[in-house]
Amino acid sequence: MIRPIKIEDKKDWEKLYRGYADFYKVEMNDGILTTVWNWLFDQKHEVCGLVYEENSKVIALAHYRKMPSPLRGKYIGFLDDLFVDPEHRGKKIGKKILSELKDISEKNKWGLIRWITRNDNSRAKNLYDKVSEKTTWDTYELK
């Protein structure tokens, strides 16, 4: 079942989010976890959360938000994070979450959901290539 994240999901969410950070080799700490968790429940913050629940346990998460697209003169959706517990991969959970995000995009009249992934994330890219269109844009970071 896909649903919005709830306060009682914190323990499962934290385990998943730590796993997500480990996968991408990004440092995770209690401060980051607290910040993101608070964003998810702050009505004024743009980050929203979905989870996939199976047998009363959260086994996947997605964080998304609206994002302005000046060239379009409107908002689009942006998927920041998508992670499925490795023990539950292969069940098309990622595909179901992306389908839910498409519905959210249509409901909000965003027109599209955009995201990035690491170029060596072949398992995720295999799914993304089936359900979406790869863009021709390169991503840069100015630090």
Protein backbone atom coordinates (compact mmCIF):
# COMPACT_ATOMS: atom_id res chain seq x y z
CA MET A 1 0.00 0.00 0.00
CA ILE A 2 1.30 3.44 -0.94
CA ARG A 3 0.36 6.25 1.42
CA PRO A 4 1.60 9.55 2.85
CA ILE A 5 4.19 9.19 5.57
CA LYS A 6 2.92 9.21 9.18
CA ILE A 7 4.57 10.07 12.49
CA GLU A 8 4.48 6.43 13.56
CA ASP A 9 6.66 5.51 10.54
CA LYS A 10 9.74 7.18 12.01
CA LYS A 11 11.67 4.04 13.00
CA ASP A 12 11.15 2.29 9.64
CA TRP A 13 11.72 5.54 7.72
CA GLU A 14 14.98 6.22 9.55
CA LYS A 15 16.30 2.74 8.77
CA LEU A 16 15.41 3.16 5.09
CA TYR A 17 16.86 6.67 4.86
CA ARG A 18 20.11 5.52 6.41
CA GLY A 19 20.17 2.70 3.84
CA TYR A 20 19.57 5.24 1.07
CA ALA A 21 22.47 7.39 2.29
CA ASP A 22 24.71 4.32 2.54
CA PHE A 23 23.82 3.33 -1.02
CA TYR A 24 24.88 6.75 -2.31
CA LYS A 25 27.84 6.94 0.09
CA VAL A 26 26.54 10.14 1.66
CA GLU A 27 27.20 10.83 5.31
CA MET A 28 24.08 10.51 7.45
CA ASN A 29 23.71 11.65 11.04
CA ASP A 30 21.00 12.34 13.60
CA GLY A 31 20.96 16.04 12.73
CA ILE A 32 20.15 15.38 9.08
CA LEU A 33 17.55 12.79 10.00
CA THR A 34 15.86 15.19 12.40
CA THR A 35 15.89 18.02 9.85
CA VAL A 36 14.37 15.95 7.04
CA TRP A 37 11.85 14.32 9.38
CA ASN A 38 10.71 17.77 10.56
CA TRP A 39 10.44 19.00 6.96
CA LEU A 40 8.13 16.10 6.13
CA PHE A 41 5.65 17.21 8.80
CA ASP A 42 5.96 20.97 8.41
CA GLN A 43 2.90 22.09 6.43
CA LYS A 44 4.85 25.12 5.16
CA HIS A 45 7.80 23.09 3.87
CA GLU A 46 7.75 21.89 0.28
CA VAL A 47 9.14 18.37 0.88
CA CYS A 48 6.48 15.66 1.03
CA GLY A 49 6.84 11.97 1.75
CA LEU A 50 5.27 8.75 0.53
CA VAL A 51 5.90 5.29 1.86
CA TYR A 52 5.11 1.79 0.71
CA GLU A 53 3.78 -0.39 3.50
CA GLU A 54 3.63 -4.16 3.52
CA ASN A 55 2.48 -6.22 6.51
CA SER A 56 2.42 -3.09 8.72
CA LYS A 57 6.06 -2.30 7.91
CA VAL A 58 7.36 0.56 5.77
CA ILE A 59 9.64 -0.96 3.13
CA ALA A 60 10.09 1.94 0.69
CA LEU A 61 10.12 5.71 0.75
CA ALA A 62 9.90 8.62 -1.63
CA HIS A 63 10.49 12.32 -0.96
CA TYR A 64 9.14 14.74 -3.53
CA ARG A 65 8.22 18.41 -3.90
CA LYS A 66 6.93 20.98 -6.27
CA MET A 67 9.58 22.95 -8.09
CA PRO A 68 9.23 26.10 -10.17
CA SER A 69 10.06 25.80 -13.85
CA PRO A 70 10.52 29.38 -15.08
CA LEU A 71 10.71 28.38 -18.77
CA ARG A 72 7.29 26.76 -18.40
CA GLY A 73 5.92 29.48 -16.16
CA LYS A 74 4.56 26.85 -13.79
CA TYR A 75 5.47 24.28 -11.20
CA ILE A 76 6.69 20.77 -11.95
CA GLY A 77 7.33 17.93 -9.54
CA PHE A 78 10.76 16.86 -8.35
CA LEU A 79 11.55 13.46 -6.85
CA ASP A 80 14.44 13.89 -4.43
CA ASP A 81 14.69 10.41 -2.97
CA LEU A 82 13.34 6.96 -3.84
CA PHE A 83 14.51 3.90 -1.94
CA VAL A 84 13.20 0.36 -1.63
CA ASP A 85 14.53 -1.93 1.08
CA PRO A 86 16.95 -4.32 -0.70
CA GLU A 87 15.09 -7.34 0.72
CA HIS A 88 11.94 -6.22 -1.11
CA ARG A 89 13.33 -5.30 -4.51
CA GLY A 90 11.98 -7.02 -7.58
CA LYS A 91 8.33 -6.58 -6.53
CA LYS A 92 7.74 -3.54 -8.77
CA ILE A 93 7.44 -1.27 -5.72
CA GLY A 94 9.51 1.48 -7.34
CA LYS A 95 7.25 1.35 -10.41
CA LYS A 96 4.16 1.63 -8.20
CA ILE A 97 5.60 4.63 -6.37
CA LEU A 98 6.47 6.35 -9.67
CA SER A 99 2.92 5.72 -10.87
CA GLU A 100 1.58 7.32 -7.69
CA LEU A 101 3.86 10.32 -8.25
CA LYS A 102 2.53 10.64 -11.78
CA ASP A 103 -1.00 10.78 -10.34
CA ILE A 104 0.12 13.43 -7.84
CA SER A 105 1.66 15.41 -10.69
CA GLU A 106 -1.56 15.25 -12.70
CA LYS A 107 -3.67 16.23 -9.68
CA ASN A 108 -1.43 19.26 -9.06
CA LYS A 109 -1.23 20.14 -12.79
CA TRP A 110 2.56 19.94 -12.71
CA GLY A 111 2.78 18.16 -16.04
CA LEU A 112 5.86 16.16 -15.09
CA ILE A 113 8.03 14.75 -12.33
CA ARG A 114 11.80 15.14 -12.73
CA TRP A 115 14.58 13.35 -10.88
CA ILE A 116 18.24 12.45 -11.10
CA THR A 117 20.10 9.27 -10.29
CA ARG A 118 23.73 8.28 -10.21
CA ASN A 119 24.95 7.10 -13.60
CA ASP A 120 26.00 3.68 -12.24
CA ASN A 121 22.64 2.95 -10.58
CA SER A 122 21.82 0.41 -13.28
CA ARG A 123 18.99 -1.35 -11.48
CA ALA A 124 17.06 1.89 -10.97
CA LYS A 125 17.92 3.14 -14.45
CA ASN A 126 16.49 -0.06 -15.91
CA LEU A 127 13.13 0.85 -14.34
CA TYR A 128 13.39 4.53 -15.22
CA ASP A 129 14.10 3.72 -18.86
CA LYS A 130 10.86 1.70 -18.99
CA VAL A 131 8.53 4.24 -17.37
CA SER A 132 9.99 7.64 -18.27
CA GLU A 133 12.06 9.55 -20.78
CA LYS A 134 15.75 10.19 -20.20
CA THR A 135 16.60 13.83 -20.77
CA THR A 136 19.63 15.22 -22.54
CA TRP A 137 20.60 17.49 -19.64
CA ASP A 138 23.88 17.17 -17.73
CA THR A 139 23.88 18.04 -14.05
CA TYR A 140 26.48 20.29 -12.43
CA GLU A 141 27.13 21.39 -8.88
CA LEU A 142 28.79 24.62 -7.85
CA LYS A 143 30.26 24.29 -4.37
